[in-house]
Amino acid sequence: MGAMLELEGIDTFYGRAHILSKVSFAVAAGEVVVLLGRNGAGKSTTLKSIIGLVPAASGTIRFAGERIDRRAPYEIAQRGLGYVPEDRRIFTDLTVLENLEVGRQPPRAGAPTWTLEKLFALFPNLAERRSQPGGRMSGGEQQMLTIARTLMGNPTCILLDEPSEGLAPVIVDQMAAAIRGLKDAGVAVLLSEQNLHFATAVSDRAYIIEKGQIRFSGTIAELDANEAIRAAYLAV
């Protein structure tokens, strides 16, 4: 199976600050990959470089076999790459249903087509609150709504920035179930995460980033067995 998403030698700067240095990794179709690291390690910047919000200064990024590292974020999204930022960007005055309609795109070849019924099966909380304004929901429900709205674009791959952060434990469990549901539907998922327990529950493989460089690459089982790596890069 070829890579759905592939980064090769990515360098990214904020002004003069060199944030990412020679970052390379890949995500295969239908795979859940986690980018782990402490706060400020470069996780969010990596996702923003992929989607084009903070363009890489050098290196290449390929999505579905095509170079996207010189394209605008909207062009990248139109190709079927979804992005869910850390700050839940929903329309607070619109209902759940109206928020979902905003994200609707036509079906895409090679991608699962999401209907309201499928999304409500994935996120039962949203089904119960379908007529409620987004601003009157909890942070966790707003996070689910942001993901569901992105799925209305029928992406083949979705980037999730810190999906479990600040969520109540019961919502974290629901979020984990939803990510496993995405994998079952054939969507490739790349998530950035600090919560090792959550990452272990949903991911196939892990990369650890520290000071903008990839320090570890392996399966979740290999990471689980490597206490030294976890202590060096993930312990608080």
Protein backbone atom coordinates (compact mmCIF):
# COMPACT_ATOMS: atom_id res chain seq x y z
CA MET A 1 0.00 0.00 0.00
CA GLY A 2 1.51 3.33 -1.02
CA ALA A 3 1.61 6.33 1.25
CA MET A 4 -1.50 8.51 1.30
CA LEU A 5 0.49 11.35 2.86
CA GLU A 6 4.26 11.71 2.71
CA LEU A 7 6.60 14.35 4.14
CA GLU A 8 10.22 14.45 3.06
CA GLY A 9 12.86 16.74 4.60
CA ILE A 10 10.46 19.47 5.73
CA ASP A 11 11.94 22.68 7.20
CA THR A 12 9.53 25.30 8.53
CA PHE A 13 10.21 28.71 10.05
CA TYR A 14 8.14 31.21 12.05
CA GLY A 15 9.91 34.43 11.14
CA ARG A 16 13.55 33.57 11.86
CA ALA A 17 12.78 30.78 14.30
CA HIS A 18 13.58 27.37 12.80
CA ILE A 19 10.63 25.28 14.05
CA LEU A 20 10.78 22.06 11.96
CA SER A 21 14.06 20.53 10.82
CA LYS A 22 14.19 17.82 8.13
CA VAL A 23 10.90 16.24 9.18
CA SER A 24 10.06 13.08 7.19
CA PHE A 25 7.27 10.56 7.74
CA ALA A 26 4.36 8.88 5.98
CA VAL A 27 0.74 7.87 6.58
CA ALA A 28 -0.75 4.99 4.57
CA ALA A 29 -4.37 4.80 3.38
CA GLY A 30 -6.71 3.73 6.18
CA GLU A 31 -4.00 4.06 8.84
CA VAL A 32 -4.09 6.02 12.11
CA VAL A 33 -0.72 7.63 12.86
CA VAL A 34 0.03 9.77 15.90
CA LEU A 35 2.60 12.54 16.17
CA LEU A 36 3.57 12.63 19.85
CA GLY A 37 5.59 15.22 21.70
CA ARG A 38 5.63 17.75 24.47
CA ASN A 39 4.09 21.18 24.22
CA GLY A 40 6.05 23.31 21.74
CA ALA A 41 7.82 20.31 20.14
CA GLY A 42 6.47 21.17 16.67
CA LYS A 43 3.33 19.01 16.41
CA SER A 44 0.87 21.76 15.46
CA THR A 45 3.38 23.37 13.11
CA THR A 46 3.77 20.05 11.30
CA LEU A 47 0.02 19.83 10.67
CA LYS A 48 -0.11 23.50 9.63
CA SER A 49 2.76 22.91 7.19
CA ILE A 50 0.91 19.96 5.64
CA ILE A 51 -2.31 21.92 5.12
CA GLY A 52 -0.40 25.00 3.90
CA LEU A 53 -1.16 27.46 6.73
CA VAL A 54 2.54 27.75 7.60
CA PRO A 55 4.26 26.84 4.33
CA ALA A 56 7.40 24.73 4.51
CA ALA A 57 10.58 26.54 3.46
CA SER A 58 12.07 23.37 1.97
CA GLY A 59 11.29 19.70 1.45
CA THR A 60 8.33 18.05 -0.25
CA ILE A 61 4.85 17.03 0.89
CA ARG A 62 2.85 14.60 -1.23
CA PHE A 63 -0.82 13.76 -0.81
CA ALA A 64 -2.38 10.96 -2.87
CA GLY A 65 0.72 10.98 -5.09
CA GLU A 66 0.61 14.70 -5.82
CA ARG A 67 2.85 17.48 -4.47
CA ILE A 68 0.91 19.91 -2.27
CA ASP A 69 3.72 21.84 -0.56
CA ARG A 70 3.32 24.91 -2.77
CA ARG A 71 -0.46 25.02 -2.75
CA ALA A 72 -2.95 27.18 -0.83
CA PRO A 73 -4.86 25.60 2.07
CA TYR A 74 -8.20 25.69 0.19
CA GLU A 75 -6.65 23.86 -2.79
CA ILE A 76 -5.23 21.19 -0.49
CA ALA A 77 -8.61 20.79 1.25
CA GLN A 78 -10.35 20.44 -2.13
CA ARG A 79 -8.08 17.47 -2.90
CA GLY A 80 -9.56 15.59 0.06
CA LEU A 81 -7.31 16.48 2.99
CA GLY A 82 -9.32 17.52 6.05
CA TYR A 83 -7.89 19.61 8.90
CA VAL A 84 -9.31 20.07 12.40
CA PRO A 85 -7.38 22.76 14.30
CA GLU A 86 -6.87 22.81 18.05
CA ASP A 87 -9.19 25.78 18.55
CA ARG A 88 -12.65 24.43 17.76
CA ARG A 89 -13.83 26.59 14.89
CA ILE A 90 -17.58 26.20 14.79
CA PHE A 91 -20.29 28.73 14.01
CA THR A 92 -21.66 29.32 17.51
CA ASP A 93 -24.94 30.92 16.31
CA LEU A 94 -25.73 28.10 13.85
CA THR A 95 -27.31 24.81 14.89
CA VAL A 96 -25.46 21.51 14.67
CA LEU A 97 -27.27 20.71 11.41
CA GLU A 98 -26.47 24.13 9.93
CA ASN A 99 -22.80 23.78 10.91
CA LEU A 100 -22.67 20.41 9.14
CA GLU A 101 -24.27 21.82 5.98
CA VAL A 102 -21.50 24.45 5.79
CA GLY A 103 -18.96 21.64 5.37
CA ARG A 104 -20.86 19.69 2.72
CA GLN A 105 -18.96 18.81 -0.47
CA PRO A 106 -19.89 16.42 -3.28
CA PRO A 107 -18.89 12.74 -3.00
CA ARG A 108 -15.25 12.05 -3.83
CA ALA A 109 -13.87 9.04 -5.69
CA GLY A 110 -11.96 6.71 -3.37
CA ALA A 111 -13.31 8.36 -0.21
CA PRO A 112 -16.18 7.35 2.05
CA THR A 113 -19.25 9.55 1.54
CA TRP A 114 -20.56 10.89 4.84
CA THR A 115 -24.29 11.38 5.37
CA LEU A 116 -25.91 12.91 8.42
CA GLU A 117 -27.02 9.41 9.47
CA LYS A 118 -23.45 8.08 9.36
CA LEU A 119 -22.11 11.09 11.25
CA PHE A 120 -24.77 10.79 13.94
CA ALA A 121 -23.90 7.11 14.31
CA LEU A 122 -20.24 8.13 14.77
CA PHE A 123 -21.09 11.00 17.16
CA PRO A 124 -24.33 10.14 19.05
CA ASN A 125 -24.04 13.34 21.15
CA LEU A 126 -24.52 15.43 18.01
CA ALA A 127 -27.65 13.49 17.05
CA GLU A 128 -29.29 14.45 20.34
CA ARG A 129 -28.34 18.12 19.88
CA ARG A 130 -28.91 18.47 16.14
CA SER A 131 -31.15 21.54 16.52
CA GLN A 132 -29.06 23.21 19.23
CA PRO A 133 -26.79 26.20 18.51
CA GLY A 134 -23.11 25.23 18.52
CA GLY A 135 -22.30 27.85 21.16
CA ARG A 136 -24.52 26.11 23.70
CA MET A 137 -22.60 22.81 23.59
CA SER A 138 -19.69 21.62 25.73
CA GLY A 139 -16.12 21.89 24.49
CA GLY A 140 -16.04 18.18 23.75
CA GLU A 141 -19.23 18.33 21.71
CA GLN A 142 -17.88 21.34 19.83
CA GLN A 143 -14.76 19.29 19.06
CA MET A 144 -16.93 16.46 17.72
CA LEU A 145 -18.91 18.96 15.63
CA THR A 146 -15.68 20.37 14.13
CA ILE A 147 -14.59 16.87 13.12
CA ALA A 148 -18.05 15.97 11.78
CA ARG A 149 -18.19 19.17 9.73
CA THR A 150 -14.77 18.35 8.23
CA LEU A 151 -16.02 14.86 7.37
CA MET A 152 -18.91 16.42 5.41
CA GLY A 153 -16.19 17.31 2.88
CA ASN A 154 -15.63 13.54 2.34
CA PRO A 155 -11.85 13.60 2.95
CA THR A 156 -9.59 10.62 2.26
CA CYS A 157 -7.27 11.78 5.05
CA ILE A 158 -7.90 13.96 8.10
CA LEU A 159 -5.46 15.88 10.33
CA LEU A 160 -6.54 16.22 13.97
CA ASP A 161 -4.64 18.67 16.17
CA GLU A 162 -4.75 17.57 19.84
CA PRO A 163 -8.26 16.03 19.62
CA SER A 164 -8.35 14.88 23.26
CA GLU A 165 -7.04 18.05 24.90
CA GLY A 166 -9.22 19.48 27.66
CA LEU A 167 -11.96 16.90 27.21
CA ALA A 168 -13.76 15.12 30.05
CA PRO A 169 -12.76 11.42 30.32
CA VAL A 170 -16.14 10.14 29.07
CA ILE A 171 -15.84 12.40 25.99
CA VAL A 172 -12.25 11.24 25.42
CA ASP A 173 -13.54 7.65 25.23
CA GLN A 174 -16.19 8.71 22.71
CA MET A 175 -13.54 10.56 20.69
CA ALA A 176 -11.35 7.44 20.64
CA ALA A 177 -14.30 5.35 19.42
CA ALA A 178 -14.99 7.91 16.69
CA ILE A 179 -11.38 7.86 15.45
CA ARG A 180 -11.48 4.06 15.31
CA GLY A 181 -14.72 4.45 13.34
CA LEU A 182 -12.92 6.71 10.84
CA LYS A 183 -10.26 4.06 10.37
CA ASP A 184 -12.95 1.40 9.83
CA ALA A 185 -14.51 3.66 7.18
CA GLY A 186 -11.16 3.81 5.35
CA VAL A 187 -10.13 7.37 6.26
CA ALA A 188 -6.41 7.90 6.95
CA VAL A 189 -5.89 9.83 10.21
CA LEU A 190 -2.88 11.83 11.40
CA LEU A 191 -3.30 13.21 14.88
CA SER A 192 -1.01 15.27 17.05
CA GLU A 193 -1.32 14.38 20.72
CA GLN A 194 0.30 14.71 24.14
CA ASN A 195 -1.94 12.13 25.78
CA LEU A 196 -0.08 8.83 25.38
CA HIS A 197 -2.96 6.75 26.72
CA PHE A 198 -5.37 8.22 24.16
CA ALA A 199 -2.82 7.86 21.35
CA THR A 200 -2.24 4.21 22.25
CA ALA A 201 -5.98 3.52 22.19
CA VAL A 202 -6.47 4.74 18.61
CA SER A 203 -3.19 4.59 16.67
CA ASP A 204 -1.38 2.02 14.55
CA ARG A 205 1.98 3.78 14.49
CA ALA A 206 3.70 6.66 16.26
CA TYR A 207 6.30 9.30 15.55
CA ILE A 208 7.81 11.36 18.35
CA ILE A 209 8.86 14.92 17.62
CA GLU A 210 11.16 16.93 19.88
CA LYS A 211 12.54 20.39 19.09
CA GLY A 212 11.23 20.08 15.54
CA GLN A 213 12.94 16.78 14.72
CA ILE A 214 11.58 13.25 14.50
CA ARG A 215 13.22 11.25 17.31
CA PHE A 216 11.30 7.97 17.12
CA SER A 217 9.31 6.03 14.56
CA GLY A 218 7.61 2.72 15.19
CA THR A 219 4.45 0.81 15.97
CA ILE A 220 2.44 1.54 19.11
CA ALA A 221 3.60 -1.82 20.49
CA GLU A 222 7.26 -0.84 19.92
CA LEU A 223 6.69 2.48 21.67
CA ASP A 224 4.92 0.70 24.50
CA ALA A 225 7.93 -1.57 24.95
CA ASN A 226 10.47 1.28 24.88
CA GLU A 227 10.42 2.89 28.31
CA ALA A 228 13.63 4.86 27.69
CA ILE A 229 12.15 6.66 24.67
CA ARG A 230 8.93 7.44 26.53
CA ALA A 231 10.87 8.80 29.51
CA ALA A 232 13.16 10.90 27.30
CA TYR A 233 10.55 12.54 25.10
CA LEU A 234 7.09 12.14 26.59
CA ALA A 235 7.46 12.29 30.37
CA VAL A 236 6.34 15.61 31.80
